[in-house]
Amino acid sequence: MTQPAGPPASLPIMKLAELHVLHFDGSTRALSERELAAAGAQSQAWVLATCQRAVIVAAGRAARDAVFQRLPAAAEASGFEGAEAYAFLLRFACGLESKLLGETEIFGQIKESWRAFAAAPSLQSRQLVGFVQSLFQDTKEVRANQLASLGSASYGSQVRRLLGAVSAGPTLLVGAGQLAQAVAPWIETPELMLWNRSVDRAHELASLVQERHPQRICRVLDGAEAELSAWSQAGDVVVCVPADTQRDAGRIAAWRARAGRTGRIVHLGLGHGDQRAAAWADVPGLTSLTSLFDMLRTQSDLRRVQVMRARRDCADKAVLRSLGANATQPHGWEDLAAFATLSP
């Protein structure tokens, strides 16, 4: 990706102390599409939305206060400013705020979000561009120095590990959003059946998969009946949408009615405490998102040490950025006290 250009000479350079971040953790408060649009109205703030969280980045207190006026729910968010805000963004980009620690997909999502935000030039994008440039550089350094040997840390790699060997039948992927886009290229199957509420989105995902795997058959399903039929035919199923009380009973019945009754379901929409997950209890071959995280909690001591070092590195780089110098430049002993003031 082309690195963002620096701010124009005519625009005063904004100090890191003026960087503000609002963080909505999806497990406690998910923003609606209308709220997300209001938060970033007329490019007055950079809004990053993933399946797990929403992050709003504003340059200057006036811009942050304007977000609070447009979005009353901002009072429920965790707020960061200055070096703390930059440290959070760096942890976020490195996958250290994700439930799957060290995941790699999030950095690509952040870069794509910035590309879309910066495509419509605004005062906010011009003021933030320098910080984003630093963020991209520091993310690559932290990942290379601290997380390179962490092992494969992506939802796609975990799904491939759970599914194991190639299934005897086609694999059904339900959903076509960010999570499905991250998972689909990792699914090893001769034939991939894709279903999504939006058929156009499913076709876009099929094109993405076939760009990477031209030999793979990708069949887009159109309509609810076609999806249920696929549940009864699939060898394995990967679900990248939330539980749906109206549709899940039919899906489960079709799965149970399959001949042979072998295969796996990896349901990435079933999280901890989701009351809608009750219908999936005792479904044969099911691994939920919660189960996946439980398995990953058995990670080695080495993995935990690496994550701790990466978080510390994020905090250190944020302090260095606040000192107004290159993050890789050494500083004198009198600056070291600043590092004790910022928690990772």
C-alpha atoms as a PDB file:
ATOM      1  CA  MET A   1       0.000   0.000   0.000  1.00  0.00           C
ATOM      2  CA  THR A   2       1.261   3.509  -0.779  1.00  0.00           C
ATOM      3  CA  GLN A   3       2.067   5.290   2.469  1.00  0.00           C
ATOM      4  CA  PRO A   4      -0.066   8.384   3.153  1.00  0.00           C
ATOM      5  CA  ALA A   5       1.623  11.640   2.275  1.00  0.00           C
ATOM      6  CA  GLY A   6       2.572  14.108   4.996  1.00  0.00           C
ATOM      7  CA  PRO A   7       0.338  17.079   5.843  1.00  0.00           C
ATOM      8  CA  PRO A   8       0.589  20.146   3.577  1.00  0.00           C
ATOM      9  CA  ALA A   9       3.004  22.832   4.716  1.00  0.00           C
ATOM     10  CA  SER A  10       0.121  25.313   5.079  1.00  0.00           C
ATOM     11  CA  LEU A  11      -1.567  23.157   7.720  1.00  0.00           C
ATOM     12  CA  PRO A  12      -0.206  23.457  11.279  1.00  0.00           C
ATOM     13  CA  ILE A  13       1.277  20.153  12.407  1.00  0.00           C
ATOM     14  CA  MET A  14      -0.943  18.636  15.067  1.00  0.00           C
ATOM     15  CA  LYS A  15       0.732  17.353  18.221  1.00  0.00           C
ATOM     16  CA  LEU A  16       0.166  13.817  19.431  1.00  0.00           C
ATOM     17  CA  ALA A  17      -1.477  15.237  22.569  1.00  0.00           C
ATOM     18  CA  GLU A  18      -4.405  16.273  20.335  1.00  0.00           C
ATOM     19  CA  LEU A  19      -5.123  12.725  19.136  1.00  0.00           C
ATOM     20  CA  HIS A  20      -8.413  11.325  20.505  1.00  0.00           C
ATOM     21  CA  VAL A  21      -9.811   7.789  20.278  1.00  0.00           C
ATOM     22  CA  LEU A  22     -13.205   6.417  21.331  1.00  0.00           C
ATOM     23  CA  HIS A  23     -13.476   2.652  21.595  1.00  0.00           C
ATOM     24  CA  PHE A  24     -16.718   0.645  21.569  1.00  0.00           C
ATOM     25  CA  ASP A  25     -16.162  -3.003  22.452  1.00  0.00           C
ATOM     26  CA  GLY A  26     -18.772  -4.997  20.551  1.00  0.00           C
ATOM     27  CA  SER A  27     -19.280  -7.377  23.486  1.00  0.00           C
ATOM     28  CA  THR A  28     -20.742  -4.517  25.548  1.00  0.00           C
ATOM     29  CA  ARG A  29     -22.010  -1.962  23.026  1.00  0.00           C
ATOM     30  CA  ALA A  30     -22.311  -2.444  19.267  1.00  0.00           C
ATOM     31  CA  LEU A  31     -22.984   0.653  17.159  1.00  0.00           C
ATOM     32  CA  SER A  32     -25.658   0.489  14.489  1.00  0.00           C
ATOM     33  CA  GLU A  33     -24.922   1.487  10.897  1.00  0.00           C
ATOM     34  CA  ARG A  34     -26.832   4.732  11.507  1.00  0.00           C
ATOM     35  CA  GLU A  35     -24.701   5.537  14.562  1.00  0.00           C
ATOM     36  CA  LEU A  36     -21.487   4.747  12.667  1.00  0.00           C
ATOM     37  CA  ALA A  37     -22.573   7.058   9.856  1.00  0.00           C
ATOM     38  CA  ALA A  38     -23.380   9.821  12.341  1.00  0.00           C
ATOM     39  CA  ALA A  39     -20.008   9.475  14.061  1.00  0.00           C
ATOM     40  CA  GLY A  40     -18.115   9.993  10.816  1.00  0.00           C
ATOM     41  CA  ALA A  41     -20.544  12.386   9.134  1.00  0.00           C
ATOM     42  CA  GLN A  42     -18.940  14.544   6.437  1.00  0.00           C
ATOM     43  CA  SER A  43     -15.520  13.016   7.226  1.00  0.00           C
ATOM     44  CA  GLN A  44     -15.393  14.797  10.593  1.00  0.00           C
ATOM     45  CA  ALA A  45     -13.875  11.699  12.223  1.00  0.00           C
ATOM     46  CA  TRP A  46     -12.265   8.457  11.079  1.00  0.00           C
ATOM     47  CA  VAL A  47     -14.487   5.492  11.973  1.00  0.00           C
ATOM     48  CA  LEU A  48     -13.084   1.949  11.943  1.00  0.00           C
ATOM     49  CA  ALA A  49     -15.695  -0.770  12.365  1.00  0.00           C
ATOM     50  CA  THR A  50     -14.931  -4.494  12.661  1.00  0.00           C
ATOM     51  CA  CYS A  51     -16.999  -7.468  13.739  1.00  0.00           C
ATOM     52  CA  GLN A  52     -15.698  -7.080  17.317  1.00  0.00           C
ATOM     53  CA  ARG A  53     -15.507  -3.326  17.903  1.00  0.00           C
ATOM     54  CA  ALA A  54     -15.862   0.221  16.596  1.00  0.00           C
ATOM     55  CA  VAL A  55     -13.083   2.787  16.942  1.00  0.00           C
ATOM     56  CA  ILE A  56     -13.526   6.515  16.293  1.00  0.00           C
ATOM     57  CA  VAL A  57     -10.417   8.631  15.747  1.00  0.00           C
ATOM     58  CA  ALA A  58     -10.571  12.430  15.951  1.00  0.00           C
ATOM     59  CA  ALA A  59      -7.901  15.105  15.525  1.00  0.00           C
ATOM     60  CA  GLY A  60      -8.322  17.764  18.211  1.00  0.00           C
ATOM     61  CA  ARG A  61     -10.675  18.252  21.145  1.00  0.00           C
ATOM     62  CA  ALA A  62     -13.149  20.228  19.013  1.00  0.00           C
ATOM     63  CA  ALA A  63     -13.496  17.274  16.638  1.00  0.00           C
ATOM     64  CA  ARG A  64     -13.914  14.896  19.573  1.00  0.00           C
ATOM     65  CA  ASP A  65     -16.589  17.111  21.144  1.00  0.00           C
ATOM     66  CA  ALA A  66     -18.390  17.232  17.802  1.00  0.00           C
ATOM     67  CA  VAL A  67     -18.518  13.412  17.805  1.00  0.00           C
ATOM     68  CA  PHE A  68     -20.213  13.527  21.220  1.00  0.00           C
ATOM     69  CA  GLN A  69     -22.810  15.952  19.816  1.00  0.00           C
ATOM     70  CA  ARG A  70     -23.555  13.766  16.780  1.00  0.00           C
ATOM     71  CA  LEU A  71     -23.378  10.496  18.703  1.00  0.00           C
ATOM     72  CA  PRO A  72     -24.878  10.495  22.217  1.00  0.00           C
ATOM     73  CA  ALA A  73     -23.675   6.901  22.668  1.00  0.00           C
ATOM     74  CA  ALA A  74     -20.086   8.218  22.694  1.00  0.00           C
ATOM     75  CA  ALA A  75     -20.497   8.677  26.442  1.00  0.00           C
ATOM     76  CA  GLU A  76     -20.492   4.861  26.726  1.00  0.00           C
ATOM     77  CA  ALA A  77     -17.155   4.448  24.936  1.00  0.00           C
ATOM     78  CA  SER A  78     -13.704   4.054  26.437  1.00  0.00           C
ATOM     79  CA  GLY A  79     -11.765   7.235  25.710  1.00  0.00           C
ATOM     80  CA  PHE A  80      -8.055   7.703  25.067  1.00  0.00           C
ATOM     81  CA  GLU A  81      -6.038  10.772  24.198  1.00  0.00           C
ATOM     82  CA  GLY A  82      -2.471  11.638  23.332  1.00  0.00           C
ATOM     83  CA  ALA A  83       0.099   8.882  23.752  1.00  0.00           C
ATOM     84  CA  GLU A  84      -2.523   6.578  25.306  1.00  0.00           C
ATOM     85  CA  ALA A  85      -4.645   6.958  22.155  1.00  0.00           C
ATOM     86  CA  TYR A  86      -1.701   6.172  19.904  1.00  0.00           C
ATOM     87  CA  ALA A  87      -0.707   3.155  22.033  1.00  0.00           C
ATOM     88  CA  PHE A  88      -4.263   1.815  21.795  1.00  0.00           C
ATOM     89  CA  LEU A  89      -4.313   2.232  18.002  1.00  0.00           C
ATOM     90  CA  LEU A  90      -0.975   0.444  17.755  1.00  0.00           C
ATOM     91  CA  ARG A  91      -2.183  -2.465  19.898  1.00  0.00           C
ATOM     92  CA  PHE A  92      -5.347  -2.549  17.804  1.00  0.00           C
ATOM     93  CA  ALA A  93      -3.402  -2.671  14.522  1.00  0.00           C
ATOM     94  CA  CYS A  94      -1.085  -5.379  15.882  1.00  0.00           C
ATOM     95  CA  GLY A  95      -4.046  -7.592  16.810  1.00  0.00           C
ATOM     96  CA  LEU A  96      -3.356  -7.248  20.536  1.00  0.00           C
ATOM     97  CA  GLU A  97      -6.886  -5.964  21.262  1.00  0.00           C
ATOM     98  CA  SER A  98      -8.477  -8.869  19.383  1.00  0.00           C
ATOM     99  CA  LYS A  99      -9.833 -11.980  21.050  1.00  0.00           C
ATOM    100  CA  LEU A 100      -7.543 -13.938  18.746  1.00  0.00           C
ATOM    101  CA  LEU A 101      -4.324 -12.354  20.032  1.00  0.00           C
ATOM    102  CA  GLY A 102      -1.925 -11.289  17.318  1.00  0.00           C
ATOM    103  CA  GLU A 103      -4.405 -11.828  14.490  1.00  0.00           C
ATOM    104  CA  THR A 104      -3.140 -10.546  11.161  1.00  0.00           C
ATOM    105  CA  GLU A 105      -6.365  -9.618   9.341  1.00  0.00           C
ATOM    106  CA  ILE A 106      -7.043  -6.501  11.402  1.00  0.00           C
ATOM    107  CA  PHE A 107      -4.086  -4.554   9.978  1.00  0.00           C
ATOM    108  CA  GLY A 108      -5.433  -5.003   6.463  1.00  0.00           C
ATOM    109  CA  GLN A 109      -8.877  -3.855   7.587  1.00  0.00           C
ATOM    110  CA  ILE A 110      -7.390  -0.718   9.139  1.00  0.00           C
ATOM    111  CA  LYS A 111      -5.429   0.101   5.979  1.00  0.00           C
ATOM    112  CA  GLU A 112      -8.525  -0.372   3.830  1.00  0.00           C
ATOM    113  CA  SER A 113     -10.589   1.810   6.184  1.00  0.00           C
ATOM    114  CA  TRP A 114      -7.976   4.563   6.027  1.00  0.00           C
ATOM    115  CA  ARG A 115      -7.814   4.336   2.241  1.00  0.00           C
ATOM    116  CA  ALA A 116     -11.580   4.894   2.055  1.00  0.00           C
ATOM    117  CA  PHE A 117     -11.506   7.755   4.595  1.00  0.00           C
ATOM    118  CA  ALA A 118      -8.588   9.551   2.927  1.00  0.00           C
ATOM    119  CA  ALA A 119     -10.150   9.189  -0.543  1.00  0.00           C
ATOM    120  CA  ALA A 120     -12.425  12.137   0.318  1.00  0.00           C
ATOM    121  CA  PRO A 121      -9.906  14.776   1.490  1.00  0.00           C
ATOM    122  CA  SER A 122     -10.945  16.630   4.626  1.00  0.00           C
ATOM    123  CA  LEU A 123      -9.385  18.632   7.434  1.00  0.00           C
ATOM    124  CA  GLN A 124      -9.464  15.550   9.655  1.00  0.00           C
ATOM    125  CA  SER A 125      -7.707  13.290   7.141  1.00  0.00           C
ATOM    126  CA  ARG A 126      -5.044  15.969   6.554  1.00  0.00           C
ATOM    127  CA  GLN A 127      -4.435  16.303  10.287  1.00  0.00           C
ATOM    128  CA  LEU A 128      -4.390  12.561  10.931  1.00  0.00           C
ATOM    129  CA  VAL A 129      -2.258  11.502   7.978  1.00  0.00           C
ATOM    130  CA  GLY A 130       1.061  11.917   9.790  1.00  0.00           C
ATOM    131  CA  PHE A 131      -0.086   9.781  12.712  1.00  0.00           C
ATOM    132  CA  VAL A 132      -1.427   7.104  10.369  1.00  0.00           C
ATOM    133  CA  GLN A 133       1.871   7.005   8.529  1.00  0.00           C
ATOM    134  CA  SER A 134       3.660   6.470  11.846  1.00  0.00           C
ATOM    135  CA  LEU A 135       1.063   3.904  12.898  1.00  0.00           C
ATOM    136  CA  PHE A 136       1.640   1.796   9.800  1.00  0.00           C
ATOM    137  CA  GLN A 137       5.415   1.929  10.253  1.00  0.00           C
ATOM    138  CA  ASP A 138       5.283   1.062  13.960  1.00  0.00           C
ATOM    139  CA  THR A 139       2.794  -1.774  13.404  1.00  0.00           C
ATOM    140  CA  LYS A 140       5.147  -3.437  10.938  1.00  0.00           C
ATOM    141  CA  GLU A 141       8.059  -3.052  13.362  1.00  0.00           C
ATOM    142  CA  VAL A 142       6.195  -4.474  16.361  1.00  0.00           C
ATOM    143  CA  ARG A 143       4.938  -7.422  14.351  1.00  0.00           C
ATOM    144  CA  ALA A 144       8.375  -8.099  12.892  1.00  0.00           C
ATOM    145  CA  ASN A 145      10.255  -7.720  16.186  1.00  0.00           C
ATOM    146  CA  GLN A 146       7.801  -9.246  18.663  1.00  0.00           C
ATOM    147  CA  LEU A 147       5.146 -11.281  16.892  1.00  0.00           C
ATOM    148  CA  ALA A 148       6.852 -12.834  13.856  1.00  0.00           C
ATOM    149  CA  SER A 149       7.366 -16.198  15.596  1.00  0.00           C
ATOM    150  CA  LEU A 150       3.952 -16.211  17.268  1.00  0.00           C
ATOM    151  CA  GLY A 151       2.655 -18.662  14.707  1.00  0.00           C
ATOM    152  CA  SER A 152      -0.291 -18.378  12.396  1.00  0.00           C
ATOM    153  CA  ALA A 153      -2.743 -16.004  14.072  1.00  0.00           C
ATOM    154  CA  SER A 154      -5.751 -15.495  11.846  1.00  0.00           C
ATOM    155  CA  TYR A 155      -9.332 -16.669  11.903  1.00  0.00           C
ATOM    156  CA  GLY A 156      -8.750 -18.313   8.536  1.00  0.00           C
ATOM    157  CA  SER A 157      -5.809 -20.355   9.768  1.00  0.00           C
ATOM    158  CA  GLN A 158      -7.751 -21.466  12.853  1.00  0.00           C
ATOM    159  CA  VAL A 159     -10.733 -22.519  10.730  1.00  0.00           C
ATOM    160  CA  ARG A 160      -8.466 -24.526   8.424  1.00  0.00           C
ATOM    161  CA  ARG A 161      -6.918 -26.226  11.456  1.00  0.00           C
ATOM    162  CA  LEU A 162     -10.343 -27.074  12.897  1.00  0.00           C
ATOM    163  CA  LEU A 163     -11.689 -28.481   9.636  1.00  0.00           C
ATOM    164  CA  GLY A 164      -8.624 -30.644   9.163  1.00  0.00           C
ATOM    165  CA  ALA A 165      -8.394 -32.699   5.989  1.00  0.00           C
ATOM    166  CA  VAL A 166     -10.437 -31.827   2.929  1.00  0.00           C
ATOM    167  CA  SER A 167     -14.063 -32.879   3.387  1.00  0.00           C
ATOM    168  CA  ALA A 168     -15.670 -35.563   1.267  1.00  0.00           C
ATOM    169  CA  GLY A 169     -18.287 -33.054   0.112  1.00  0.00           C
ATOM    170  CA  PRO A 170     -18.375 -29.345  -0.715  1.00  0.00           C
ATOM    171  CA  THR A 171     -17.928 -26.763   2.030  1.00  0.00           C
ATOM    172  CA  LEU A 172     -20.681 -24.230   2.697  1.00  0.00           C
ATOM    173  CA  LEU A 173     -19.682 -20.721   3.818  1.00  0.00           C
ATOM    174  CA  VAL A 174     -22.506 -18.615   5.246  1.00  0.00           C
ATOM    175  CA  GLY A 175     -21.844 -14.862   5.138  1.00  0.00           C
ATOM    176  CA  ALA A 176     -19.802 -12.501   2.968  1.00  0.00           C
ATOM    177  CA  GLY A 177     -18.706  -9.746   5.346  1.00  0.00           C
ATOM    178  CA  GLN A 178     -15.247  -8.935   6.689  1.00  0.00           C
ATOM    179  CA  LEU A 179     -14.957 -12.143   8.674  1.00  0.00           C
ATOM    180  CA  ALA A 180     -16.026 -14.319   5.741  1.00  0.00           C
ATOM    181  CA  GLN A 181     -13.569 -12.512   3.471  1.00  0.00           C
ATOM    182  CA  ALA A 182     -10.771 -13.276   5.931  1.00  0.00           C
ATOM    183  CA  VAL A 183     -11.745 -16.935   6.273  1.00  0.00           C
ATOM    184  CA  ALA A 184     -12.748 -17.948   2.740  1.00  0.00           C
ATOM    185  CA  PRO A 185      -9.271 -18.111   1.139  1.00  0.00           C
ATOM    186  CA  TRP A 186      -8.108 -20.490   3.888  1.00  0.00           C
ATOM    187  CA  ILE A 187     -10.809 -23.093   3.353  1.00  0.00           C
ATOM    188  CA  GLU A 188      -9.300 -26.082   1.572  1.00  0.00           C
ATOM    189  CA  THR A 189     -12.044 -27.639  -0.506  1.00  0.00           C
ATOM    190  CA  PRO A 190     -12.499 -28.485  -4.187  1.00  0.00           C
ATOM    191  CA  GLU A 191     -15.899 -26.777  -4.117  1.00  0.00           C
ATOM    192  CA  LEU A 192     -17.023 -23.825  -2.016  1.00  0.00           C
ATOM    193  CA  MET A 193     -20.710 -22.950  -1.783  1.00  0.00           C
ATOM    194  CA  LEU A 194     -21.362 -19.331  -0.769  1.00  0.00           C
ATOM    195  CA  TRP A 195     -24.563 -17.942   0.683  1.00  0.00           C
ATOM    196  CA  ASN A 196     -25.278 -14.416   1.896  1.00  0.00           C
ATOM    197  CA  ARG A 197     -28.378 -12.288   2.263  1.00  0.00           C
ATOM    198  CA  SER A 198     -26.921 -10.079  -0.462  1.00  0.00           C
ATOM    199  CA  VAL A 199     -26.218 -12.187  -3.538  1.00  0.00           C
ATOM    200  CA  ASP A 200     -24.036  -9.409  -4.950  1.00  0.00           C
ATOM    201  CA  ARG A 201     -21.778  -9.555  -1.887  1.00  0.00           C
ATOM    202  CA  ALA A 202     -21.536 -13.328  -2.271  1.00  0.00           C
ATOM    203  CA  HIS A 203     -20.448 -12.917  -5.913  1.00  0.00           C
ATOM    204  CA  GLU A 204     -17.785 -10.407  -4.812  1.00  0.00           C
ATOM    205  CA  LEU A 205     -16.458 -12.930  -2.306  1.00  0.00           C
ATOM    206  CA  ALA A 206     -16.467 -15.675  -4.944  1.00  0.00           C
ATOM    207  CA  SER A 207     -14.349 -13.466  -7.199  1.00  0.00           C
ATOM    208  CA  LEU A 208     -11.913 -12.822  -4.348  1.00  0.00           C
ATOM    209  CA  VAL A 209     -11.495 -16.535  -3.658  1.00  0.00           C
ATOM    210  CA  GLN A 210     -11.017 -17.452  -7.299  1.00  0.00           C
ATOM    211  CA  GLU A 211      -8.382 -14.737  -7.744  1.00  0.00           C
ATOM    212  CA  ARG A 212      -6.305 -16.584  -5.152  1.00  0.00           C
ATOM    213  CA  HIS A 213      -7.392 -20.120  -6.053  1.00  0.00           C
ATOM    214  CA  PRO A 214      -8.358 -20.244  -9.758  1.00  0.00           C
ATOM    215  CA  GLN A 215      -8.868 -24.007  -9.618  1.00  0.00           C
ATOM    216  CA  ARG A 216     -11.470 -23.834  -6.868  1.00  0.00           C
ATOM    217  CA  ILE A 217     -15.136 -24.117  -7.787  1.00  0.00           C
ATOM    218  CA  CYS A 218     -17.150 -21.315  -6.139  1.00  0.00           C
ATOM    219  CA  ARG A 219     -20.905 -21.640  -6.385  1.00  0.00           C
ATOM    220  CA  VAL A 220     -23.061 -18.732  -5.209  1.00  0.00           C
ATOM    221  CA  LEU A 221     -26.427 -19.763  -3.773  1.00  0.00           C
ATOM    222  CA  ASP A 222     -29.465 -17.599  -4.363  1.00  0.00           C
ATOM    223  CA  GLY A 223     -32.326 -17.657  -1.879  1.00  0.00           C
ATOM    224  CA  ALA A 224     -33.192 -19.216   1.476  1.00  0.00           C
ATOM    225  CA  GLU A 225     -34.219 -22.577   0.037  1.00  0.00           C
ATOM    226  CA  ALA A 226     -30.908 -22.938  -1.772  1.00  0.00           C
ATOM    227  CA  GLU A 227     -29.072 -22.320   1.486  1.00  0.00           C
ATOM    228  CA  LEU A 228     -31.036 -24.981   3.384  1.00  0.00           C
ATOM    229  CA  SER A 229     -30.452 -27.448   0.579  1.00  0.00           C
ATOM    230  CA  ALA A 230     -26.722 -26.753   0.832  1.00  0.00           C
ATOM    231  CA  TRP A 231     -26.778 -27.499   4.571  1.00  0.00           C
ATOM    232  CA  SER A 232     -28.052 -30.975   3.762  1.00  0.00           C
ATOM    233  CA  GLN A 233     -25.365 -31.544   1.094  1.00  0.00           C
ATOM    234  CA  ALA A 234     -22.254 -29.969   2.604  1.00  0.00           C
ATOM    235  CA  GLY A 235     -19.404 -31.927   4.069  1.00  0.00           C
ATOM    236  CA  ASP A 236     -18.440 -28.999   6.321  1.00  0.00           C
ATOM    237  CA  VAL A 237     -20.042 -25.624   7.110  1.00  0.00           C
ATOM    238  CA  VAL A 238     -18.400 -22.367   8.200  1.00  0.00           C
ATOM    239  CA  VAL A 239     -20.784 -19.712   9.543  1.00  0.00           C
ATOM    240  CA  CYS A 240     -19.608 -16.084   9.621  1.00  0.00           C
ATOM    241  CA  VAL A 241     -22.896 -14.440  10.607  1.00  0.00           C
ATOM    242  CA  PRO A 242     -24.571 -14.081  14.031  1.00  0.00           C
ATOM    243  CA  ALA A 243     -27.065 -16.632  15.286  1.00  0.00           C
ATOM    244  CA  ASP A 244     -30.499 -16.130  13.742  1.00  0.00           C
ATOM    245  CA  THR A 245     -33.531 -17.356  15.699  1.00  0.00           C
ATOM    246  CA  GLN A 246     -35.698 -17.346  12.558  1.00  0.00           C
ATOM    247  CA  ARG A 247     -33.357 -19.350  10.328  1.00  0.00           C
ATOM    248  CA  ASP A 248     -31.287 -21.516  12.650  1.00  0.00           C
ATOM    249  CA  ALA A 249     -33.937 -24.175  13.307  1.00  0.00           C
ATOM    250  CA  GLY A 250     -34.102 -24.974   9.590  1.00  0.00           C
ATOM    251  CA  ARG A 251     -30.323 -25.004   9.278  1.00  0.00           C
ATOM    252  CA  ILE A 252     -29.924 -27.393  12.193  1.00  0.00           C
ATOM    253  CA  ALA A 253     -32.661 -29.698  10.916  1.00  0.00           C
ATOM    254  CA  ALA A 254     -31.053 -29.844   7.462  1.00  0.00           C
ATOM    255  CA  TRP A 255     -27.664 -30.608   9.006  1.00  0.00           C
ATOM    256  CA  ARG A 256     -29.044 -33.411  11.161  1.00  0.00           C
ATOM    257  CA  ALA A 257     -30.859 -34.930   8.169  1.00  0.00           C
ATOM    258  CA  ARG A 258     -27.680 -35.393   6.107  1.00  0.00           C
ATOM    259  CA  ALA A 259     -26.720 -38.835   4.953  1.00  0.00           C
ATOM    260  CA  GLY A 260     -23.743 -40.159   6.911  1.00  0.00           C
ATOM    261  CA  ARG A 261     -23.883 -37.347   9.493  1.00  0.00           C
ATOM    262  CA  THR A 262     -20.159 -36.643   9.485  1.00  0.00           C
ATOM    263  CA  GLY A 263     -18.378 -33.335   9.060  1.00  0.00           C
ATOM    264  CA  ARG A 264     -17.786 -30.148  11.024  1.00  0.00           C
ATOM    265  CA  ILE A 265     -19.561 -26.851  11.649  1.00  0.00           C
ATOM    266  CA  VAL A 266     -17.363 -23.921  12.624  1.00  0.00           C
ATOM    267  CA  HIS A 267     -19.767 -21.218  13.798  1.00  0.00           C
ATOM    268  CA  LEU A 268     -17.936 -17.914  14.275  1.00  0.00           C
ATOM    269  CA  GLY A 269     -21.171 -16.114  15.130  1.00  0.00           C
ATOM    270  CA  LEU A 270     -21.759 -17.929  18.425  1.00  0.00           C
ATOM    271  CA  GLY A 271     -20.027 -15.938  21.126  1.00  0.00           C
ATOM    272  CA  HIS A 272     -19.980 -16.154  24.894  1.00  0.00           C
ATOM    273  CA  GLY A 273     -23.262 -15.245  26.564  1.00  0.00           C
ATOM    274  CA  ASP A 274     -25.273 -15.185  23.333  1.00  0.00           C
ATOM    275  CA  GLN A 275     -28.772 -16.339  24.330  1.00  0.00           C
ATOM    276  CA  ARG A 276     -29.512 -17.234  20.729  1.00  0.00           C
ATOM    277  CA  ALA A 277     -26.850 -19.956  20.915  1.00  0.00           C
ATOM    278  CA  ALA A 278     -29.137 -22.275  22.905  1.00  0.00           C
ATOM    279  CA  ALA A 279     -30.614 -23.764  19.734  1.00  0.00           C
ATOM    280  CA  TRP A 280     -27.149 -25.016  18.741  1.00  0.00           C
ATOM    281  CA  ALA A 281     -26.583 -27.038  21.903  1.00  0.00           C
ATOM    282  CA  ASP A 282     -25.671 -30.668  21.124  1.00  0.00           C
ATOM    283  CA  VAL A 283     -25.510 -30.102  17.360  1.00  0.00           C
ATOM    284  CA  PRO A 284     -23.059 -32.756  16.114  1.00  0.00           C
ATOM    285  CA  GLY A 285     -19.668 -31.567  14.885  1.00  0.00           C
ATOM    286  CA  LEU A 286     -20.102 -27.980  16.152  1.00  0.00           C
ATOM    287  CA  THR A 287     -17.247 -25.695  17.193  1.00  0.00           C
ATOM    288  CA  SER A 288     -18.370 -22.219  18.260  1.00  0.00           C
ATOM    289  CA  LEU A 289     -16.358 -19.013  18.453  1.00  0.00           C
ATOM    290  CA  THR A 290     -16.337 -19.391  22.238  1.00  0.00           C
ATOM    291  CA  SER A 291     -14.954 -22.918  21.921  1.00  0.00           C
ATOM    292  CA  LEU A 292     -12.272 -21.643  19.571  1.00  0.00           C
ATOM    293  CA  PHE A 293     -11.172 -19.007  22.090  1.00  0.00           C
ATOM    294  CA  ASP A 294     -11.181 -21.601  24.887  1.00  0.00           C
ATOM    295  CA  MET A 295      -8.808 -23.757  22.862  1.00  0.00           C
ATOM    296  CA  LEU A 296      -6.519 -20.814  22.197  1.00  0.00           C
ATOM    297  CA  ARG A 297      -6.298 -20.016  25.924  1.00  0.00           C
ATOM    298  CA  THR A 298      -4.104 -23.095  26.246  1.00  0.00           C
ATOM    299  CA  GLN A 299      -1.373 -21.177  24.406  1.00  0.00           C
ATOM    300  CA  SER A 300       2.219 -21.701  25.555  1.00  0.00           C
ATOM    301  CA  ASP A 301       4.151 -19.549  28.041  1.00  0.00           C
ATOM    302  CA  LEU A 302       6.315 -18.390  25.144  1.00  0.00           C
ATOM    303  CA  ARG A 303       3.270 -17.054  23.315  1.00  0.00           C
ATOM    304  CA  ARG A 304       2.138 -15.118  26.402  1.00  0.00           C
ATOM    305  CA  VAL A 305       5.600 -13.622  26.860  1.00  0.00           C
ATOM    306  CA  GLN A 306       5.665 -12.531  23.224  1.00  0.00           C
ATOM    307  CA  VAL A 307       2.292 -10.809  23.569  1.00  0.00           C
ATOM    308  CA  MET A 308       3.409  -9.024  26.750  1.00  0.00           C
ATOM    309  CA  ARG A 309       6.553  -7.803  25.025  1.00  0.00           C
ATOM    310  CA  ALA A 310       4.548  -6.609  22.026  1.00  0.00           C
ATOM    311  CA  ARG A 311       2.172  -4.636  24.264  1.00  0.00           C
ATOM    312  CA  ARG A 312       5.138  -3.050  26.044  1.00  0.00           C
ATOM    313  CA  ASP A 313       6.688  -2.210  22.674  1.00  0.00           C
ATOM    314  CA  CYS A 314       3.444  -0.478  21.637  1.00  0.00           C
ATOM    315  CA  ALA A 315       3.503   1.626  24.814  1.00  0.00           C
ATOM    316  CA  ASP A 316       7.173   2.526  24.346  1.00  0.00           C
ATOM    317  CA  LYS A 317       6.672   3.578  20.728  1.00  0.00           C
ATOM    318  CA  ALA A 318       3.713   5.749  21.741  1.00  0.00           C
ATOM    319  CA  VAL A 319       5.886   7.601  24.261  1.00  0.00           C
ATOM    320  CA  LEU A 320       8.628   8.076  21.683  1.00  0.00           C
ATOM    321  CA  ARG A 321       6.091   9.487  19.238  1.00  0.00           C
ATOM    322  CA  SER A 322       4.868  11.890  21.921  1.00  0.00           C
ATOM    323  CA  LEU A 323       8.430  13.158  22.295  1.00  0.00           C
ATOM    324  CA  GLY A 324       8.261  14.282  18.681  1.00  0.00           C
ATOM    325  CA  ALA A 325      11.023  12.076  17.331  1.00  0.00           C
ATOM    326  CA  ASN A 326      11.321   9.022  15.120  1.00  0.00           C
ATOM    327  CA  ALA A 327      10.179   5.953  17.057  1.00  0.00           C
ATOM    328  CA  THR A 328      13.465   4.170  16.394  1.00  0.00           C
ATOM    329  CA  GLN A 329      15.672   7.087  17.563  1.00  0.00           C
ATOM    330  CA  PRO A 330      17.448   6.603  20.928  1.00  0.00           C
ATOM    331  CA  HIS A 331      16.865   9.227  23.637  1.00  0.00           C
ATOM    332  CA  GLY A 332      18.800  10.482  26.619  1.00  0.00           C
ATOM    333  CA  TRP A 333      18.438   9.213  30.174  1.00  0.00           C
ATOM    334  CA  GLU A 334      16.286  12.198  31.138  1.00  0.00           C
ATOM    335  CA  ASP A 335      13.555  10.967  28.776  1.00  0.00           C
ATOM    336  CA  LEU A 336      13.361   7.498  30.306  1.00  0.00           C
ATOM    337  CA  ALA A 337      11.050   8.623  33.125  1.00  0.00           C
ATOM    338  CA  ALA A 338       8.334   9.198  30.544  1.00  0.00           C
ATOM    339  CA  PHE A 339       8.149   5.461  29.886  1.00  0.00           C
ATOM    340  CA  ALA A 340       7.015   4.775  33.437  1.00  0.00           C
ATOM    341  CA  THR A 341       3.923   6.947  33.000  1.00  0.00           C
ATOM    342  CA  LEU A 342       2.228   4.890  30.271  1.00  0.00           C
ATOM    343  CA  SER A 343       0.693   1.508  31.051  1.00  0.00           C
ATOM    344  CA  PRO A 344       0.671  -1.101  28.245  1.00  0.00           C
END
